[in-house]
């Protein structure tokens, strides 16, 4: 539940924690996605996208994965173009 905290106009979440989506729904990949990397994060939906700082352990893991994707993307794109005969 979200409600106004006080007269400052700030909002806060409260109430019992609930599971909003199933694991299958949260980790679904389309049939076109052959490789899927899941990065487990012990956080709720809101916290998962709000890192405390660049030294936050979840930020570090996410950035490592992003850097790996960037590094591998030229090779992957070249392979896909080759398969399509567009080299």
C-alpha atoms as a PDB file:
ATOM      1  CA  UNK A   1       0.000   0.000   0.000  1.00  0.00           C
ATOM      2  CA  UNK A   2       1.308   3.476  -0.827  1.00  0.00           C
ATOM      3  CA  UNK A   3       0.266   6.423   1.278  1.00  0.00           C
ATOM      4  CA  UNK A   4       1.392   9.969   1.990  1.00  0.00           C
ATOM      5  CA  UNK A   5       3.937   9.918   4.786  1.00  0.00           C
ATOM      6  CA  UNK A   6       3.174  13.318   6.280  1.00  0.00           C
ATOM      7  CA  UNK A   7       2.579  16.918   5.232  1.00  0.00           C
ATOM      8  CA  UNK A   8       5.843  16.980   3.267  1.00  0.00           C
ATOM      9  CA  UNK A   9       4.067  15.350   0.344  1.00  0.00           C
ATOM     10  CA  UNK A  10       6.394  12.344   0.393  1.00  0.00           C
ATOM     11  CA  UNK A  11       4.996   8.877  -0.103  1.00  0.00           C
ATOM     12  CA  UNK A  12       5.990   5.633   1.549  1.00  0.00           C
ATOM     13  CA  UNK A  13       5.111   1.998   1.120  1.00  0.00           C
ATOM     14  CA  UNK A  14       3.565   0.018   3.920  1.00  0.00           C
ATOM     15  CA  UNK A  15       1.647  -3.112   4.661  1.00  0.00           C
ATOM     16  CA  UNK A  16       2.537  -6.773   4.308  1.00  0.00           C
ATOM     17  CA  UNK A  17       4.934  -7.966   1.608  1.00  0.00           C
ATOM     18  CA  UNK A  18       3.247  -9.860  -1.207  1.00  0.00           C
ATOM     19  CA  UNK A  19       4.506 -11.743  -4.248  1.00  0.00           C
ATOM     20  CA  UNK A  20       3.306  -9.671  -7.204  1.00  0.00           C
ATOM     21  CA  UNK A  21       4.394 -12.005 -10.016  1.00  0.00           C
ATOM     22  CA  UNK A  22       5.530 -15.606 -10.288  1.00  0.00           C
ATOM     23  CA  UNK A  23       9.176 -16.488 -10.910  1.00  0.00           C
ATOM     24  CA  UNK A  24       8.180 -17.706 -14.375  1.00  0.00           C
ATOM     25  CA  UNK A  25       6.584 -14.380 -15.210  1.00  0.00           C
ATOM     26  CA  UNK A  26       9.502 -12.371 -13.845  1.00  0.00           C
ATOM     27  CA  UNK A  27      12.077 -14.378 -15.804  1.00  0.00           C
ATOM     28  CA  UNK A  28      10.183 -15.059 -19.036  1.00  0.00           C
ATOM     29  CA  UNK A  29      12.151 -14.927 -22.278  1.00  0.00           C
ATOM     30  CA  UNK A  30      10.773 -15.012 -25.799  1.00  0.00           C
ATOM     31  CA  UNK A  31      11.605 -17.960 -28.057  1.00  0.00           C
ATOM     32  CA  UNK A  32      13.983 -15.660 -29.991  1.00  0.00           C
ATOM     33  CA  UNK A  33      16.132 -15.179 -26.901  1.00  0.00           C
ATOM     34  CA  UNK A  34      18.451 -18.146 -26.973  1.00  0.00           C
ATOM     35  CA  UNK A  35      20.713 -16.980 -24.162  1.00  0.00           C
ATOM     36  CA  UNK A  36      19.250 -15.676 -20.951  1.00  0.00           C
ATOM     37  CA  UNK A  37      21.304 -14.618 -17.981  1.00  0.00           C
ATOM     38  CA  UNK A  38      19.429 -14.301 -14.726  1.00  0.00           C
ATOM     39  CA  UNK A  39      20.944 -12.092 -12.068  1.00  0.00           C
ATOM     40  CA  UNK A  40      19.327 -12.808  -8.718  1.00  0.00           C
ATOM     41  CA  UNK A  41      18.760  -9.721  -6.595  1.00  0.00           C
ATOM     42  CA  UNK A  42      17.374  -9.835  -3.086  1.00  0.00           C
ATOM     43  CA  UNK A  43      15.179  -6.755  -3.442  1.00  0.00           C
ATOM     44  CA  UNK A  44      11.617  -5.774  -4.175  1.00  0.00           C
ATOM     45  CA  UNK A  45      10.343  -4.341  -7.465  1.00  0.00           C
ATOM     46  CA  UNK A  46      11.115  -0.761  -6.495  1.00  0.00           C
ATOM     47  CA  UNK A  47      14.544  -1.408  -4.998  1.00  0.00           C
ATOM     48  CA  UNK A  48      15.737  -3.497  -7.937  1.00  0.00           C
ATOM     49  CA  UNK A  49      16.195  -0.365 -10.071  1.00  0.00           C
ATOM     50  CA  UNK A  50      17.436   2.022  -7.389  1.00  0.00           C
ATOM     51  CA  UNK A  51      21.043   1.393  -6.490  1.00  0.00           C
ATOM     52  CA  UNK A  52      22.437   3.081  -3.383  1.00  0.00           C
ATOM     53  CA  UNK A  53      25.783   3.870  -5.029  1.00  0.00           C
ATOM     54  CA  UNK A  54      28.225   2.547  -7.639  1.00  0.00           C
ATOM     55  CA  UNK A  55      29.665   0.343  -4.896  1.00  0.00           C
ATOM     56  CA  UNK A  56      26.251  -1.281  -4.226  1.00  0.00           C
ATOM     57  CA  UNK A  57      26.751  -5.038  -4.724  1.00  0.00           C
ATOM     58  CA  UNK A  58      23.744  -5.276  -7.047  1.00  0.00           C
ATOM     59  CA  UNK A  59      25.013  -2.339  -9.125  1.00  0.00           C
ATOM     60  CA  UNK A  60      28.441  -3.979  -9.457  1.00  0.00           C
ATOM     61  CA  UNK A  61      26.900  -7.270 -10.652  1.00  0.00           C
ATOM     62  CA  UNK A  62      24.585  -5.490 -13.105  1.00  0.00           C
ATOM     63  CA  UNK A  63      27.419  -3.371 -14.514  1.00  0.00           C
ATOM     64  CA  UNK A  64      29.628  -6.445 -14.960  1.00  0.00           C
ATOM     65  CA  UNK A  65      26.857  -8.094 -16.991  1.00  0.00           C
ATOM     66  CA  UNK A  66      26.264  -4.951 -19.065  1.00  0.00           C
ATOM     67  CA  UNK A  67      29.995  -4.653 -19.806  1.00  0.00           C
ATOM     68  CA  UNK A  68      30.073  -8.310 -20.870  1.00  0.00           C
ATOM     69  CA  UNK A  69      27.105  -7.736 -23.208  1.00  0.00           C
ATOM     70  CA  UNK A  70      28.837  -4.724 -24.758  1.00  0.00           C
ATOM     71  CA  UNK A  71      32.061  -6.681 -25.198  1.00  0.00           C
ATOM     72  CA  UNK A  72      30.330  -9.649 -26.833  1.00  0.00           C
ATOM     73  CA  UNK A  73      27.818  -7.728 -28.963  1.00  0.00           C
ATOM     74  CA  UNK A  74      30.046  -7.132 -32.061  1.00  0.00           C
ATOM     75  CA  UNK A  75      30.764 -10.866 -32.330  1.00  0.00           C
ATOM     76  CA  UNK A  76      27.119 -11.827 -31.805  1.00  0.00           C
ATOM     77  CA  UNK A  77      25.838  -9.295 -34.336  1.00  0.00           C
ATOM     78  CA  UNK A  78      28.445 -10.430 -36.903  1.00  0.00           C
ATOM     79  CA  UNK A  79      27.363 -14.061 -36.427  1.00  0.00           C
ATOM     80  CA  UNK A  80      23.699 -13.160 -36.879  1.00  0.00           C
ATOM     81  CA  UNK A  81      24.429 -11.125 -40.018  1.00  0.00           C
ATOM     82  CA  UNK A  82      26.489 -13.997 -41.424  1.00  0.00           C
ATOM     83  CA  UNK A  83      23.615 -16.451 -40.833  1.00  0.00           C
ATOM     84  CA  UNK A  84      21.321 -14.054 -42.696  1.00  0.00           C
ATOM     85  CA  UNK A  85      23.806 -13.751 -45.577  1.00  0.00           C
ATOM     86  CA  UNK A  86      24.446 -10.078 -44.898  1.00  0.00           C
ATOM     87  CA  UNK A  87      28.138 -10.159 -44.147  1.00  0.00           C
END
